Amino acid sequence: LMMVLLIAIASKSVAFGQAGKDEQAVRQTLTDLSTALKNNDSTALDRIYADGYTFVGDTGVLTTKSDRLAAFKSGEMKFESISFDDVKIHLFGDTAVATFTVTSKYAPGVKSVGGKFITTATFIKVKGAWREIAAQSTRIGG
């Protein structure tokens, strides 16, 4: 009985250890995403966004990965500043759901309006790397 208990505890420790590593990896992907958005880095965004990525913004418009990348490449979308705060991550195997607040300010001349948003983003593990597959943002506050 003691041996079974020790094996069960060891198994849980290994599972929790992997979950901790995966959570850190998703947090790093969010940091990389924030940096790529801030730097208008479409190459990094192409790597972070999974094939099939979709984004629903606060106006309710759905955009695809290619739409988002084209907007960054053309300068139609460019941030002056952006930050992710209050990040919470929930892991479900090779899928992670993150909720966080986004505070953004667009560069001069960009027609979008920045502000504060609550965002839900879904990540999937592809070949050992976490990629964003979907996100939705809702404006909060005034």
Foldseek 3Di string as FASTA:
>chain_A
DVVVVVVVVVVVVVVVVVVVVVVVQVVVLVVLVQVCQQVLPLVSLVVQADQQAWEQEQVRDIDHNVRVSVCSVVVLWHWPHKDWPPWDWDDDPQKIKIWTKMFTCTDPPHPDHTGIWIKIWMWGQDPNHIHTRYMYIHHDDD
